Amino acid sequence: VSTNYEIKVEKLGKLKVTKAKLPENPDDPDDPGDNRFQATVPKDVVYNGKDQKQAINVTDTKTGKELTSGENGDVTITYSDDVKNVGTVAVTIVANENGNYSGSFTRTYKITPAQITVKAVDKTKVYGDADPELTVEITSGQLYGDDEIKYDISREAGENVGKYTIELKDGTNFILKALRLTKGNYDVTFENGTFTITPAPLTITTPSATRRTA
């Protein structure tokens, strides 16, 4: 602007860009990182016999960038070993070392038991006959994959005409044992059945007879 000064540059300044730190707890409003980042909250899911990885999206609100995952991305996302069976799944988000971000945080969600109702099928027999096979049926919900219910079942004792309870409970008298329900993946409700014994048909035949009239 003026020739009155001779300007010399003695030292160039440097601008240092540091990594943005992920919040340790993205749900804590007092965490400094929480003001900058948004992370989706995964929803709890019901067991369905399949792997259920709930996606986590992390957004840098200052830049408007959604952080990419993977070896060459901004972050690496890892899940608990078991994302199929009932329990709590931990999702860990770790910033890749050579990127623009540092730090890590964890989100969790639950896989809850599937609801299922097992009922003893009503059975009938005629008095004096052998008992039919006692069976069960699923009246609500379903089994997934290779899951199955193995059971031992009995009915209330008695052979006279009438109605008897086919009782299902987790006990020792009248038993239905729910086995191979992996890691409590099902919340099972048992419903009793009715065993009916009906009268046997009886035909009485009298012999023929004659008589002399007076």
C-alpha atoms as a PDB file:
ATOM      1  CA  VAL A   1       0.000   0.000   0.000  1.00  0.00           C
ATOM      2  CA  SER A   2       2.894   2.241   0.644  1.00  0.00           C
ATOM      3  CA  THR A   3       6.545   2.358  -0.226  1.00  0.00           C
ATOM      4  CA  ASN A   4       7.354   3.538   3.270  1.00  0.00           C
ATOM      5  CA  TYR A   5       7.939  -0.036   4.482  1.00  0.00           C
ATOM      6  CA  GLU A   6      10.096  -2.929   3.443  1.00  0.00           C
ATOM      7  CA  ILE A   7       8.423  -6.176   4.440  1.00  0.00           C
ATOM      8  CA  LYS A   8      10.424  -9.247   5.349  1.00  0.00           C
ATOM      9  CA  VAL A   9       8.877 -12.648   6.111  1.00  0.00           C
ATOM     10  CA  GLU A  10      10.911 -14.166   8.897  1.00  0.00           C
ATOM     11  CA  LYS A  11       8.860 -17.315   9.590  1.00  0.00           C
ATOM     12  CA  LEU A  12       5.902 -18.985   7.978  1.00  0.00           C
ATOM     13  CA  GLY A  13       3.085 -20.042  10.299  1.00  0.00           C
ATOM     14  CA  LYS A  14       1.534 -23.535  10.264  1.00  0.00           C
ATOM     15  CA  LEU A  15      -2.074 -24.601  10.632  1.00  0.00           C
ATOM     16  CA  LYS A  16      -2.470 -27.841  12.515  1.00  0.00           C
ATOM     17  CA  VAL A  17      -5.632 -29.866  11.842  1.00  0.00           C
ATOM     18  CA  THR A  18      -6.340 -32.357  14.615  1.00  0.00           C
ATOM     19  CA  LYS A  19      -8.615 -35.355  14.509  1.00  0.00           C
ATOM     20  CA  ALA A  20     -12.211 -34.976  15.611  1.00  0.00           C
ATOM     21  CA  LYS A  21     -12.847 -37.212  18.628  1.00  0.00           C
ATOM     22  CA  LEU A  22     -15.863 -39.489  18.698  1.00  0.00           C
ATOM     23  CA  PRO A  23     -17.982 -39.189  21.848  1.00  0.00           C
ATOM     24  CA  GLU A  24     -17.334 -41.835  24.474  1.00  0.00           C
ATOM     25  CA  ASN A  25     -21.045 -41.794  25.248  1.00  0.00           C
ATOM     26  CA  PRO A  26     -23.136 -40.394  22.396  1.00  0.00           C
ATOM     27  CA  ASP A  27     -26.190 -40.293  24.693  1.00  0.00           C
ATOM     28  CA  ASP A  28     -24.531 -38.037  27.277  1.00  0.00           C
ATOM     29  CA  PRO A  29     -25.251 -34.361  26.492  1.00  0.00           C
ATOM     30  CA  ASP A  30     -22.225 -33.353  28.600  1.00  0.00           C
ATOM     31  CA  ASP A  31     -19.848 -35.383  26.440  1.00  0.00           C
ATOM     32  CA  PRO A  32     -17.943 -32.860  24.268  1.00  0.00           C
ATOM     33  CA  GLY A  33     -18.154 -35.147  21.274  1.00  0.00           C
ATOM     34  CA  ASP A  34     -21.923 -35.377  21.502  1.00  0.00           C
ATOM     35  CA  ASN A  35     -22.320 -31.798  20.304  1.00  0.00           C
ATOM     36  CA  ARG A  36     -20.726 -32.700  17.023  1.00  0.00           C
ATOM     37  CA  PHE A  37     -21.763 -36.270  16.262  1.00  0.00           C
ATOM     38  CA  GLN A  38     -25.071 -38.010  15.878  1.00  0.00           C
ATOM     39  CA  ALA A  39     -25.315 -41.786  16.163  1.00  0.00           C
ATOM     40  CA  THR A  40     -28.483 -43.753  15.505  1.00  0.00           C
ATOM     41  CA  VAL A  41     -29.903 -45.852  18.328  1.00  0.00           C
ATOM     42  CA  PRO A  42     -30.585 -49.474  17.264  1.00  0.00           C
ATOM     43  CA  LYS A  43     -33.994 -50.885  18.175  1.00  0.00           C
ATOM     44  CA  ASP A  44     -34.542 -54.077  20.117  1.00  0.00           C
ATOM     45  CA  VAL A  45     -35.650 -56.997  17.944  1.00  0.00           C
ATOM     46  CA  VAL A  46     -37.504 -60.278  18.503  1.00  0.00           C
ATOM     47  CA  TYR A  47     -35.757 -63.590  17.871  1.00  0.00           C
ATOM     48  CA  ASN A  48     -36.518 -64.890  14.372  1.00  0.00           C
ATOM     49  CA  GLY A  49     -33.907 -67.613  13.868  1.00  0.00           C
ATOM     50  CA  LYS A  50     -31.656 -65.373  11.752  1.00  0.00           C
ATOM     51  CA  ASP A  51     -28.707 -63.061  12.286  1.00  0.00           C
ATOM     52  CA  GLN A  52     -30.000 -59.592  13.110  1.00  0.00           C
ATOM     53  CA  LYS A  53     -27.370 -56.901  12.727  1.00  0.00           C
ATOM     54  CA  GLN A  54     -28.895 -53.513  13.394  1.00  0.00           C
ATOM     55  CA  ALA A  55     -27.136 -50.761  11.449  1.00  0.00           C
ATOM     56  CA  ILE A  56     -25.441 -47.853  13.251  1.00  0.00           C
ATOM     57  CA  ASN A  57     -25.039 -44.588  11.337  1.00  0.00           C
ATOM     58  CA  VAL A  58     -22.652 -41.912  12.591  1.00  0.00           C
ATOM     59  CA  THR A  59     -22.859 -38.374  11.206  1.00  0.00           C
ATOM     60  CA  ASP A  60     -20.389 -35.533  11.669  1.00  0.00           C
ATOM     61  CA  THR A  61     -22.829 -32.641  12.021  1.00  0.00           C
ATOM     62  CA  LYS A  62     -20.098 -30.027  11.572  1.00  0.00           C
ATOM     63  CA  THR A  63     -19.198 -31.268   8.112  1.00  0.00           C
ATOM     64  CA  GLY A  64     -22.485 -32.972   7.297  1.00  0.00           C
ATOM     65  CA  LYS A  65     -20.566 -36.145   6.479  1.00  0.00           C
ATOM     66  CA  GLU A  66     -21.866 -39.611   7.280  1.00  0.00           C
ATOM     67  CA  LEU A  67     -18.902 -41.620   8.461  1.00  0.00           C
ATOM     68  CA  THR A  68     -18.196 -44.628   6.277  1.00  0.00           C
ATOM     69  CA  SER A  69     -17.322 -47.990   7.741  1.00  0.00           C
ATOM     70  CA  GLY A  70     -14.803 -50.559   6.655  1.00  0.00           C
ATOM     71  CA  GLU A  71     -11.056 -51.037   6.568  1.00  0.00           C
ATOM     72  CA  ASN A  72     -10.481 -47.933   4.454  1.00  0.00           C
ATOM     73  CA  GLY A  73     -13.396 -45.936   5.838  1.00  0.00           C
ATOM     74  CA  ASP A  74     -13.666 -43.472   8.685  1.00  0.00           C
ATOM     75  CA  VAL A  75     -14.632 -46.065  11.276  1.00  0.00           C
ATOM     76  CA  THR A  76     -14.669 -49.814  11.813  1.00  0.00           C
ATOM     77  CA  ILE A  77     -17.886 -51.306  13.213  1.00  0.00           C
ATOM     78  CA  THR A  78     -17.811 -54.648  15.005  1.00  0.00           C
ATOM     79  CA  TYR A  79     -20.659 -56.663  16.528  1.00  0.00           C
ATOM     80  CA  SER A  80     -20.866 -59.203  19.319  1.00  0.00           C
ATOM     81  CA  ASP A  81     -20.112 -62.757  18.194  1.00  0.00           C
ATOM     82  CA  ASP A  82     -23.762 -63.768  18.558  1.00  0.00           C
ATOM     83  CA  VAL A  83     -26.304 -61.613  16.727  1.00  0.00           C
ATOM     84  CA  LYS A  84     -28.881 -64.399  16.410  1.00  0.00           C
ATOM     85  CA  ASN A  85     -29.862 -65.693  19.840  1.00  0.00           C
ATOM     86  CA  VAL A  86     -31.600 -63.935  22.708  1.00  0.00           C
ATOM     87  CA  GLY A  87     -29.319 -61.571  24.610  1.00  0.00           C
ATOM     88  CA  THR A  88     -27.651 -58.165  24.392  1.00  0.00           C
ATOM     89  CA  VAL A  89     -25.696 -57.272  21.260  1.00  0.00           C
ATOM     90  CA  ALA A  90     -22.846 -54.780  21.582  1.00  0.00           C
ATOM     91  CA  VAL A  91     -21.892 -52.703  18.542  1.00  0.00           C
ATOM     92  CA  THR A  92     -18.478 -51.034  18.817  1.00  0.00           C
ATOM     93  CA  ILE A  93     -17.573 -48.104  16.554  1.00  0.00           C
ATOM     94  CA  VAL A  94     -13.817 -47.405  16.404  1.00  0.00           C
ATOM     95  CA  ALA A  95     -12.220 -44.598  14.388  1.00  0.00           C
ATOM     96  CA  ASN A  96      -9.575 -45.820  11.951  1.00  0.00           C
ATOM     97  CA  GLU A  97      -6.061 -44.662  12.910  1.00  0.00           C
ATOM     98  CA  ASN A  98      -5.113 -42.904   9.688  1.00  0.00           C
ATOM     99  CA  GLY A  99      -8.361 -41.031   9.200  1.00  0.00           C
ATOM    100  CA  ASN A 100      -9.754 -37.725  10.387  1.00  0.00           C
ATOM    101  CA  TYR A 101     -11.341 -39.166  13.532  1.00  0.00           C
ATOM    102  CA  SER A 102     -10.221 -40.754  16.778  1.00  0.00           C
ATOM    103  CA  GLY A 103     -11.842 -42.519  19.708  1.00  0.00           C
ATOM    104  CA  SER A 104     -14.613 -45.085  19.962  1.00  0.00           C
ATOM    105  CA  PHE A 105     -18.011 -45.751  21.509  1.00  0.00           C
ATOM    106  CA  THR A 106     -20.462 -48.627  21.911  1.00  0.00           C
ATOM    107  CA  ARG A 107     -24.148 -49.009  21.204  1.00  0.00           C
ATOM    108  CA  THR A 108     -26.247 -51.939  22.442  1.00  0.00           C
ATOM    109  CA  TYR A 109     -29.587 -53.509  21.600  1.00  0.00           C
ATOM    110  CA  LYS A 110     -31.462 -56.603  22.725  1.00  0.00           C
ATOM    111  CA  ILE A 111     -32.748 -59.692  20.981  1.00  0.00           C
ATOM    112  CA  THR A 112     -35.842 -60.691  22.970  1.00  0.00           C
ATOM    113  CA  PRO A 113     -37.564 -64.112  23.115  1.00  0.00           C
ATOM    114  CA  ALA A 114     -40.209 -65.033  20.544  1.00  0.00           C
ATOM    115  CA  GLN A 115     -43.614 -65.674  22.115  1.00  0.00           C
ATOM    116  CA  ILE A 116     -45.058 -69.115  21.464  1.00  0.00           C
ATOM    117  CA  THR A 117     -48.081 -71.038  22.775  1.00  0.00           C
ATOM    118  CA  VAL A 118     -48.061 -74.849  22.882  1.00  0.00           C
ATOM    119  CA  LYS A 119     -51.368 -76.633  23.484  1.00  0.00           C
ATOM    120  CA  ALA A 120     -52.170 -80.252  24.201  1.00  0.00           C
ATOM    121  CA  VAL A 121     -54.433 -81.486  21.416  1.00  0.00           C
ATOM    122  CA  ASP A 122     -57.849 -82.660  22.658  1.00  0.00           C
ATOM    123  CA  LYS A 123     -58.276 -86.428  22.319  1.00  0.00           C
ATOM    124  CA  THR A 124     -61.205 -88.862  22.473  1.00  0.00           C
ATOM    125  CA  LYS A 125     -61.531 -92.610  22.850  1.00  0.00           C
ATOM    126  CA  VAL A 126     -64.316 -95.136  23.366  1.00  0.00           C
ATOM    127  CA  TYR A 127     -64.466 -96.855  26.732  1.00  0.00           C
ATOM    128  CA  GLY A 128     -62.339 -99.993  26.674  1.00  0.00           C
ATOM    129  CA  ASP A 129     -60.154 -98.897  23.749  1.00  0.00           C
ATOM    130  CA  ALA A 130     -56.452 -98.116  23.976  1.00  0.00           C
ATOM    131  CA  ASP A 131     -55.442 -94.488  24.412  1.00  0.00           C
ATOM    132  CA  PRO A 132     -54.600 -92.602  21.216  1.00  0.00           C
ATOM    133  CA  GLU A 133     -51.200 -90.939  21.004  1.00  0.00           C
ATOM    134  CA  LEU A 134     -51.046 -87.656  22.914  1.00  0.00           C
ATOM    135  CA  THR A 135     -49.732 -84.771  20.857  1.00  0.00           C
ATOM    136  CA  VAL A 136     -49.277 -81.004  21.020  1.00  0.00           C
ATOM    137  CA  GLU A 137     -49.733 -78.182  18.564  1.00  0.00           C
ATOM    138  CA  ILE A 138     -48.468 -74.622  18.304  1.00  0.00           C
ATOM    139  CA  THR A 139     -51.471 -72.311  18.439  1.00  0.00           C
ATOM    140  CA  SER A 140     -49.609 -69.004  18.525  1.00  0.00           C
ATOM    141  CA  GLY A 141     -46.190 -68.027  17.221  1.00  0.00           C
ATOM    142  CA  GLN A 142     -43.819 -70.329  15.381  1.00  0.00           C
ATOM    143  CA  LEU A 143     -40.555 -72.200  15.577  1.00  0.00           C
ATOM    144  CA  TYR A 144     -37.661 -70.989  13.438  1.00  0.00           C
ATOM    145  CA  GLY A 145     -34.962 -72.831  11.558  1.00  0.00           C
ATOM    146  CA  ASP A 146     -34.001 -76.161  13.113  1.00  0.00           C
ATOM    147  CA  ASP A 147     -35.514 -75.325  16.497  1.00  0.00           C
ATOM    148  CA  GLU A 148     -37.899 -77.937  17.776  1.00  0.00           C
ATOM    149  CA  ILE A 149     -39.836 -78.937  20.870  1.00  0.00           C
ATOM    150  CA  LYS A 150     -39.358 -82.437  22.232  1.00  0.00           C
ATOM    151  CA  TYR A 151     -41.848 -83.445  24.864  1.00  0.00           C
ATOM    152  CA  ASP A 152     -43.055 -86.103  27.282  1.00  0.00           C
ATOM    153  CA  ILE A 153     -46.755 -85.857  27.967  1.00  0.00           C
ATOM    154  CA  SER A 154     -49.288 -87.670  30.155  1.00  0.00           C
ATOM    155  CA  ARG A 155     -52.961 -87.380  30.958  1.00  0.00           C
ATOM    156  CA  GLU A 156     -54.895 -87.473  34.200  1.00  0.00           C
ATOM    157  CA  ALA A 157     -55.417 -91.095  35.280  1.00  0.00           C
ATOM    158  CA  GLY A 158     -58.784 -92.798  34.793  1.00  0.00           C
ATOM    159  CA  GLU A 159     -60.562 -95.250  32.493  1.00  0.00           C
ATOM    160  CA  ASN A 160     -64.233 -94.593  33.178  1.00  0.00           C
ATOM    161  CA  VAL A 161     -66.427 -92.492  30.922  1.00  0.00           C
ATOM    162  CA  GLY A 162     -65.753 -88.800  31.495  1.00  0.00           C
ATOM    163  CA  LYS A 163     -63.341 -85.979  30.814  1.00  0.00           C
ATOM    164  CA  TYR A 164     -59.739 -85.898  31.945  1.00  0.00           C
ATOM    165  CA  THR A 165     -57.128 -83.147  31.798  1.00  0.00           C
ATOM    166  CA  ILE A 166     -54.143 -83.416  29.524  1.00  0.00           C
ATOM    167  CA  GLU A 167     -51.997 -81.114  31.592  1.00  0.00           C
ATOM    168  CA  LEU A 168     -48.894 -79.337  30.310  1.00  0.00           C
ATOM    169  CA  LYS A 169     -46.616 -77.677  32.774  1.00  0.00           C
ATOM    170  CA  ASP A 170     -42.983 -77.425  33.674  1.00  0.00           C
ATOM    171  CA  GLY A 171     -43.128 -79.970  36.461  1.00  0.00           C
ATOM    172  CA  THR A 172     -42.825 -83.656  37.150  1.00  0.00           C
ATOM    173  CA  ASN A 173     -46.382 -85.024  37.222  1.00  0.00           C
ATOM    174  CA  PHE A 174     -47.737 -84.123  33.817  1.00  0.00           C
ATOM    175  CA  ILE A 175     -44.766 -83.003  31.848  1.00  0.00           C
ATOM    176  CA  LEU A 176     -43.990 -81.173  28.672  1.00  0.00           C
ATOM    177  CA  LYS A 177     -40.285 -80.523  28.469  1.00  0.00           C
ATOM    178  CA  ALA A 178     -39.332 -77.756  26.040  1.00  0.00           C
ATOM    179  CA  LEU A 179     -35.890 -78.822  24.878  1.00  0.00           C
ATOM    180  CA  ARG A 180     -33.464 -77.411  22.351  1.00  0.00           C
ATOM    181  CA  LEU A 181     -34.966 -73.957  22.650  1.00  0.00           C
ATOM    182  CA  THR A 182     -31.522 -72.463  22.195  1.00  0.00           C
ATOM    183  CA  LYS A 183     -30.478 -69.989  24.887  1.00  0.00           C
ATOM    184  CA  GLY A 184     -34.048 -69.255  25.893  1.00  0.00           C
ATOM    185  CA  ASN A 185     -35.032 -68.006  22.454  1.00  0.00           C
ATOM    186  CA  TYR A 186     -38.713 -68.683  23.175  1.00  0.00           C
ATOM    187  CA  ASP A 187     -41.077 -67.613  25.914  1.00  0.00           C
ATOM    188  CA  VAL A 188     -43.382 -70.646  25.984  1.00  0.00           C
ATOM    189  CA  THR A 189     -46.947 -70.665  27.288  1.00  0.00           C
ATOM    190  CA  PHE A 190     -48.497 -74.097  27.889  1.00  0.00           C
ATOM    191  CA  GLU A 191     -52.223 -74.754  27.514  1.00  0.00           C
ATOM    192  CA  ASN A 192     -53.995 -77.880  28.777  1.00  0.00           C
ATOM    193  CA  GLY A 193     -56.093 -80.205  26.647  1.00  0.00           C
ATOM    194  CA  THR A 194     -59.072 -82.450  27.367  1.00  0.00           C
ATOM    195  CA  PHE A 195     -59.139 -86.242  27.103  1.00  0.00           C
ATOM    196  CA  THR A 196     -62.685 -87.571  26.671  1.00  0.00           C
ATOM    197  CA  ILE A 197     -63.781 -91.186  27.174  1.00  0.00           C
ATOM    198  CA  THR A 198     -67.157 -91.909  25.583  1.00  0.00           C
ATOM    199  CA  PRO A 199     -69.502 -94.856  26.344  1.00  0.00           C
ATOM    200  CA  ALA A 200     -68.934 -98.060  24.445  1.00  0.00           C
ATOM    201  CA  PRO A 201     -71.897 -99.190  22.293  1.00  0.00           C
ATOM    202  CA  LEU A 202     -73.642-102.267  23.675  1.00  0.00           C
ATOM    203  CA  THR A 203     -76.151-104.406  21.771  1.00  0.00           C
ATOM    204  CA  ILE A 204     -78.229-106.988  23.631  1.00  0.00           C
ATOM    205  CA  THR A 205     -79.902-109.706  21.525  1.00  0.00           C
ATOM    206  CA  THR A 206     -82.485-112.067  23.026  1.00  0.00           C
ATOM    207  CA  PRO A 207     -83.089-115.546  21.571  1.00  0.00           C
ATOM    208  CA  SER A 208     -86.296-116.333  19.693  1.00  0.00           C
ATOM    209  CA  ALA A 209     -89.086-118.159  21.622  1.00  0.00           C
ATOM    210  CA  THR A 210     -92.469-119.819  20.892  1.00  0.00           C
ATOM    211  CA  ARG A 211     -95.439-120.663  22.990  1.00  0.00           C
ATOM    212  CA  ARG A 212     -98.582-122.819  22.527  1.00  0.00           C
ATOM    213  CA  THR A 213    -101.889-121.079  22.663  1.00  0.00           C
ATOM    214  CA  ALA A 214    -104.646-122.538  24.851  1.00  0.00           C
END
